[in-house]
C-alpha atoms as a PDB file:
ATOM      1  CA  MET A   1     -12.672 -50.276  49.205  1.00  0.00           C
ATOM      2  CA  SER A   2     -13.627 -51.930  45.903  1.00  0.00           C
ATOM      3  CA  ASN A   3     -11.211 -52.327  42.997  1.00  0.00           C
ATOM      4  CA  SER A   4     -13.093 -49.631  41.061  1.00  0.00           C
ATOM      5  CA  ASP A   5     -12.795 -47.221  43.991  1.00  0.00           C
ATOM      6  CA  GLN A   6      -9.079 -47.972  44.243  1.00  0.00           C
ATOM      7  CA  GLN A   7      -8.644 -47.279  40.520  1.00  0.00           C
ATOM      8  CA  SER A   8     -10.581 -44.021  40.813  1.00  0.00           C
ATOM      9  CA  ALA A   9      -8.476 -42.987  43.808  1.00  0.00           C
ATOM     10  CA  ARG A  10      -5.310 -43.879  41.835  1.00  0.00           C
ATOM     11  CA  ALA A  11      -6.475 -41.756  38.887  1.00  0.00           C
ATOM     12  CA  LEU A  12      -7.298 -38.803  41.132  1.00  0.00           C
ATOM     13  CA  ASP A  13      -4.033 -39.147  43.075  1.00  0.00           C
ATOM     14  CA  PHE A  14      -1.912 -39.314  39.912  1.00  0.00           C
ATOM     15  CA  ALA A  15      -3.758 -36.340  38.408  1.00  0.00           C
ATOM     16  CA  MET A  16      -3.149 -34.290  41.563  1.00  0.00           C
ATOM     17  CA  LYS A  17       0.582 -35.104  41.437  1.00  0.00           C
ATOM     18  CA  LEU A  18       0.723 -33.896  37.848  1.00  0.00           C
ATOM     19  CA  LEU A  19      -1.137 -30.699  38.697  1.00  0.00           C
ATOM     20  CA  THR A  20       1.177 -29.880  41.597  1.00  0.00           C
ATOM     21  CA  LYS A  21       4.090 -29.740  39.124  1.00  0.00           C
ATOM     22  CA  SER A  22       2.412 -27.398  36.638  1.00  0.00           C
ATOM     23  CA  ARG A  23      -0.896 -26.077  35.408  1.00  0.00           C
ATOM     24  CA  LEU A  24      -2.255 -28.392  32.750  1.00  0.00           C
ATOM     25  CA  SER A  25      -5.155 -28.077  30.388  1.00  0.00           C
ATOM     26  CA  GLU A  26      -7.893 -30.653  30.650  1.00  0.00           C
ATOM     27  CA  ARG A  27      -6.764 -32.277  27.395  1.00  0.00           C
ATOM     28  CA  SER A  28      -3.108 -32.455  28.475  1.00  0.00           C
ATOM     29  CA  LEU A  29      -4.047 -34.005  31.794  1.00  0.00           C
ATOM     30  CA  ARG A  30      -6.354 -36.499  30.087  1.00  0.00           C
ATOM     31  CA  GLU A  31      -3.557 -37.554  27.691  1.00  0.00           C
ATOM     32  CA  LYS A  32      -1.146 -38.118  30.585  1.00  0.00           C
ATOM     33  CA  LEU A  33      -3.708 -40.220  32.451  1.00  0.00           C
ATOM     34  CA  VAL A  34      -4.416 -42.301  29.337  1.00  0.00           C
ATOM     35  CA  ARG A  35      -0.672 -43.016  29.026  1.00  0.00           C
ATOM     36  CA  GLN A  36      -0.836 -44.441  32.559  1.00  0.00           C
ATOM     37  CA  ARG A  37      -3.458 -46.916  31.274  1.00  0.00           C
ATOM     38  CA  ILE A  38      -6.148 -45.587  33.555  1.00  0.00           C
ATOM     39  CA  ALA A  39      -9.667 -46.520  32.459  1.00  0.00           C
ATOM     40  CA  GLU A  40     -11.590 -43.832  30.574  1.00  0.00           C
ATOM     41  CA  ASP A  41     -14.489 -43.726  33.067  1.00  0.00           C
ATOM     42  CA  GLN A  42     -12.062 -43.234  35.957  1.00  0.00           C
ATOM     43  CA  ILE A  43     -10.269 -40.486  34.060  1.00  0.00           C
ATOM     44  CA  ASP A  44     -13.623 -38.779  33.460  1.00  0.00           C
ATOM     45  CA  THR A  45     -14.480 -39.028  37.165  1.00  0.00           C
ATOM     46  CA  ALA A  46     -11.090 -37.710  38.266  1.00  0.00           C
ATOM     47  CA  ILE A  47     -11.206 -34.790  35.832  1.00  0.00           C
ATOM     48  CA  GLU A  48     -14.754 -33.876  36.815  1.00  0.00           C
ATOM     49  CA  THR A  49     -13.782 -33.946  40.510  1.00  0.00           C
ATOM     50  CA  LEU A  50     -10.743 -31.758  39.873  1.00  0.00           C
ATOM     51  CA  LYS A  51     -12.755 -29.290  37.798  1.00  0.00           C
ATOM     52  CA  GLN A  52     -15.351 -28.988  40.567  1.00  0.00           C
ATOM     53  CA  ARG A  53     -12.576 -28.303  43.075  1.00  0.00           C
ATOM     54  CA  GLY A  54     -11.024 -25.680  40.798  1.00  0.00           C
ATOM     55  CA  PHE A  55      -7.808 -27.561  40.047  1.00  0.00           C
ATOM     56  CA  ILE A  56      -8.433 -27.736  36.303  1.00  0.00           C
ATOM     57  CA  ASP A  57      -9.157 -24.443  34.598  1.00  0.00           C
ATOM     58  CA  ASP A  58      -8.073 -24.050  30.971  1.00  0.00           C
ATOM     59  CA  MET A  59      -8.376 -20.245  31.167  1.00  0.00           C
ATOM     60  CA  LYS A  60      -5.975 -20.086  34.123  1.00  0.00           C
ATOM     61  CA  ALA A  61      -3.602 -22.611  32.514  1.00  0.00           C
ATOM     62  CA  ALA A  62      -3.530 -20.616  29.266  1.00  0.00           C
ATOM     63  CA  ARG A  63      -3.048 -17.275  31.046  1.00  0.00           C
ATOM     64  CA  SER A  64      -0.232 -18.682  33.169  1.00  0.00           C
ATOM     65  CA  ALA A  65       1.518 -20.146  30.098  1.00  0.00           C
ATOM     66  CA  VAL A  66       1.248 -16.942  28.046  1.00  0.00           C
ATOM     67  CA  GLU A  67       2.502 -14.762  30.897  1.00  0.00           C
ATOM     68  CA  ALA A  68       5.493 -17.075  31.407  1.00  0.00           C
ATOM     69  CA  TRP A  69       6.273 -17.064  27.673  1.00  0.00           C
ATOM     70  CA  LEU A  70       6.057 -13.276  27.535  1.00  0.00           C
ATOM     71  CA  GLU A  71       8.601 -13.023  30.347  1.00  0.00           C
ATOM     72  CA  ARG A  72      11.059 -15.341  28.606  1.00  0.00           C
ATOM     73  CA  GLN A  73      10.609 -14.536  24.915  1.00  0.00           C
ATOM     74  CA  PRO A  74       8.024 -12.057  23.651  1.00  0.00           C
ATOM     75  CA  ALA A  75       6.352 -13.175  20.440  1.00  0.00           C
ATOM     76  CA  ASP A  76       3.368 -12.342  18.262  1.00  0.00           C
ATOM     77  CA  ARG A  77      -0.174 -13.516  18.908  1.00  0.00           C
ATOM     78  CA  THR A  78      -0.088 -16.191  16.181  1.00  0.00           C
ATOM     79  CA  HIS A  79       2.928 -17.807  17.859  1.00  0.00           C
ATOM     80  CA  TYR A  80       1.065 -18.019  21.163  1.00  0.00           C
ATOM     81  CA  GLU A  81      -2.101 -19.341  19.520  1.00  0.00           C
ATOM     82  CA  SER A  82      -0.096 -22.206  18.075  1.00  0.00           C
ATOM     83  CA  LYS A  83       1.621 -22.975  21.382  1.00  0.00           C
ATOM     84  CA  LEU A  84      -1.668 -22.917  23.295  1.00  0.00           C
ATOM     85  CA  HIS A  85      -3.237 -25.267  20.776  1.00  0.00           C
ATOM     86  CA  LYS A  86      -0.355 -27.710  21.340  1.00  0.00           C
ATOM     87  CA  LEU A  87      -1.085 -27.532  25.079  1.00  0.00           C
ATOM     88  CA  GLY A  88      -4.661 -28.595  24.440  1.00  0.00           C
ATOM     89  CA  ILE A  89      -6.313 -25.201  24.846  1.00  0.00           C
ATOM     90  CA  ASP A  90      -9.285 -24.745  22.517  1.00  0.00           C
ATOM     91  CA  ARG A  91      -9.297 -21.814  20.077  1.00  0.00           C
ATOM     92  CA  HIS A  92     -12.050 -19.889  21.855  1.00  0.00           C
ATOM     93  CA  THR A  93     -10.281 -20.058  25.226  1.00  0.00           C
ATOM     94  CA  ALA A  94      -6.920 -19.201  23.637  1.00  0.00           C
ATOM     95  CA  SER A  95      -8.433 -16.214  21.862  1.00  0.00           C
ATOM     96  CA  SER A  96     -10.079 -14.916  25.047  1.00  0.00           C
ATOM     97  CA  VAL A  97      -6.883 -15.260  27.067  1.00  0.00           C
ATOM     98  CA  LEU A  98      -4.735 -13.631  24.383  1.00  0.00           C
ATOM     99  CA  ASP A  99      -7.208 -10.746  24.037  1.00  0.00           C
ATOM    100  CA  GLU A 100      -6.939 -10.168  27.767  1.00  0.00           C
ATOM    101  CA  VAL A 101      -3.182 -10.624  28.202  1.00  0.00           C
ATOM    102  CA  LEU A 102      -2.053  -8.819  25.046  1.00  0.00           C
ATOM    103  CA  GLU A 103      -4.604  -5.976  25.236  1.00  0.00           C
ATOM    104  CA  HIS A 104      -2.220  -3.323  26.524  1.00  0.00           C
ATOM    105  CA  ARG A 105       0.987  -4.628  24.963  1.00  0.00           C
ATOM    106  CA  SER A 106       2.716  -3.125  21.946  1.00  0.00           C
ATOM    107  CA  ARG A 107       3.709  -5.498  19.139  1.00  0.00           C
ATOM    108  CA  ILE A 108       6.635  -3.231  18.348  1.00  0.00           C
ATOM    109  CA  ASP A 109       7.880  -3.242  21.955  1.00  0.00           C
ATOM    110  CA  ASP A 110       7.497  -7.030  22.112  1.00  0.00           C
ATOM    111  CA  ALA A 111       9.428  -7.449  18.855  1.00  0.00           C
ATOM    112  CA  VAL A 112      12.197  -5.145  20.113  1.00  0.00           C
ATOM    113  CA  ALA A 113      12.329  -7.129  23.367  1.00  0.00           C
ATOM    114  CA  ALA A 114      12.530 -10.371  21.368  1.00  0.00           C
ATOM    115  CA  LEU A 115      15.697  -9.025  19.752  1.00  0.00           C
ATOM    116  CA  LYS A 116      17.218  -8.116  23.101  1.00  0.00           C
ATOM    117  CA  GLY A 117      20.878  -9.037  22.960  1.00  0.00           C
ATOM    118  CA  THR A 118      21.111  -8.605  19.195  1.00  0.00           C
ATOM    119  CA  PRO A 119      24.320  -6.727  18.486  1.00  0.00           C
ATOM    120  CA  SER A 120      23.481  -3.403  16.884  1.00  0.00           C
ATOM    121  CA  ALA A 121      26.399  -1.075  17.427  1.00  0.00           C
ATOM    122  CA  ASP A 122      29.514  -0.971  15.318  1.00  0.00           C
ATOM    123  CA  VAL A 123      28.026  -2.203  12.073  1.00  0.00           C
ATOM    124  CA  ARG A 124      30.660  -0.932   9.656  1.00  0.00           C
ATOM    125  CA  THR A 125      29.824  -2.541   6.359  1.00  0.00           C
ATOM    126  CA  LEU A 126      26.693  -2.982   4.319  1.00  0.00           C
ATOM    127  CA  LYS A 127      27.263  -6.733   4.182  1.00  0.00           C
ATOM    128  CA  GLU A 128      27.530  -6.979   7.986  1.00  0.00           C
ATOM    129  CA  TRP A 129      24.345  -4.922   8.403  1.00  0.00           C
ATOM    130  CA  GLN A 130      22.506  -7.125   5.884  1.00  0.00           C
ATOM    131  CA  THR A 131      23.624 -10.293   7.671  1.00  0.00           C
ATOM    132  CA  ARG A 132      22.457  -8.991  11.049  1.00  0.00           C
ATOM    133  CA  ALA A 133      19.196  -7.728   9.549  1.00  0.00           C
ATOM    134  CA  ARG A 134      18.520 -11.102   7.899  1.00  0.00           C
ATOM    135  CA  ARG A 135      19.160 -12.961  11.171  1.00  0.00           C
ATOM    136  CA  ALA A 136      16.992 -10.570  13.184  1.00  0.00           C
ATOM    137  CA  ALA A 137      14.190 -10.787  10.598  1.00  0.00           C
ATOM    138  CA  GLY A 138      14.371 -14.573  10.644  1.00  0.00           C
ATOM    139  CA  LYS A 139      14.103 -14.672  14.421  1.00  0.00           C
ATOM    140  CA  LEU A 140      11.102 -12.343  14.439  1.00  0.00           C
ATOM    141  CA  ALA A 141       9.408 -14.299  11.637  1.00  0.00           C
ATOM    142  CA  ARG A 142       9.815 -17.538  13.624  1.00  0.00           C
ATOM    143  CA  LEU A 143       8.134 -15.763  16.541  1.00  0.00           C
ATOM    144  CA  GLY A 144       5.141 -14.935  14.343  1.00  0.00           C
ATOM    145  CA  PHE A 145       5.692 -11.218  13.729  1.00  0.00           C
ATOM    146  CA  ASP A 146       4.403  -9.811  10.426  1.00  0.00           C
ATOM    147  CA  GLU A 147       6.543  -8.242   7.684  1.00  0.00           C
ATOM    148  CA  ASP A 148       5.718  -4.621   8.535  1.00  0.00           C
ATOM    149  CA  THR A 149       6.595  -5.091  12.203  1.00  0.00           C
ATOM    150  CA  ILE A 150       9.811  -6.914  11.298  1.00  0.00           C
ATOM    151  CA  GLU A 151      10.954  -4.190   8.918  1.00  0.00           C
ATOM    152  CA  LEU A 152      10.227  -1.411  11.403  1.00  0.00           C
ATOM    153  CA  VAL A 153      11.899  -3.187  14.318  1.00  0.00           C
ATOM    154  CA  VAL A 154      14.996  -4.296  12.406  1.00  0.00           C
ATOM    155  CA  ASP A 155      15.579  -0.695  11.335  1.00  0.00           C
ATOM    156  CA  GLN A 156      14.984   0.496  14.887  1.00  0.00           C
ATOM    157  CA  VAL A 157      17.336  -2.051  16.498  1.00  0.00           C
ATOM    158  CA  LEU A 158      20.137  -2.032  13.910  1.00  0.00           C
ATOM    159  CA  GLY A 159      19.923   1.605  12.924  1.00  0.00           C
ATOM    160  CA  PRO A 160      20.051   2.868   9.363  1.00  0.00           C
ATOM    161  CA  GLN A 161      21.585   0.741   6.671  1.00  0.00           C
ATOM    162  CA  PRO A 162      25.155   1.922   6.036  1.00  0.00           C
ATOM    163  CA  GLU A 163      26.058   3.354   2.672  1.00  0.00           C
ATOM    164  CA  GLN A 164      27.979   1.028   0.413  1.00  0.00           C
ATOM    165  CA  GLU A 165      31.542   2.270   0.067  1.00  0.00           C
ATOM    166  CA  THR A 166      32.936   3.146  -3.334  1.00  0.00           C
ATOM    167  CA  ALA A 167      35.601   0.450  -3.047  1.00  0.00           C
ATOM    168  CA  ASP A 168      32.883  -2.154  -2.510  1.00  0.00           C
ATOM    169  CA  LEU A 169      31.099  -1.096  -5.679  1.00  0.00           C
ATOM    170  CA  PHE A 170      34.165  -1.863  -7.807  1.00  0.00           C
ATOM    171  CA  GLU A 171      34.780  -5.218  -6.106  1.00  0.00           C
ATOM    172  CA  ASN A 172      31.385  -6.495  -7.269  1.00  0.00           C
ATOM    173  CA  GLU A 173      32.090  -5.776 -10.953  1.00  0.00           C
END
């Protein structure tokens, strides 16, 4: 076996080890192989071989990632687009996968699920309600939800804003 064949076998073997741990996009796999100082032509050969064998599929990698994220922490489409881009998934592939995966999901239900565990009962004061609402809104905004969704969901999860008590009105003067 020539040195070039050994290097190609090393590249393919290392790539397979990486892929057995998790689904990777082509770009992510390429970056990991480059960090191992594997020659570019051997990386190209290994990736082409793995694509032909069905081990590298950006659509499957993106779908798997989005489904896992939805299980752990529902978020809005823009949040997932950003995360997929960081994984090396191109915009067209990301858009196709998100269209498919999010087609029958409700943004409101996902936002409510994202706030799962947020204390909602026993809000006695206006200030306490405002603090909880601000925190919930901040969390949803970080997850990419729009203003209208945030407002609707915060009201739904926390209930109506309590009336300010007369005593509180005089304290502020």
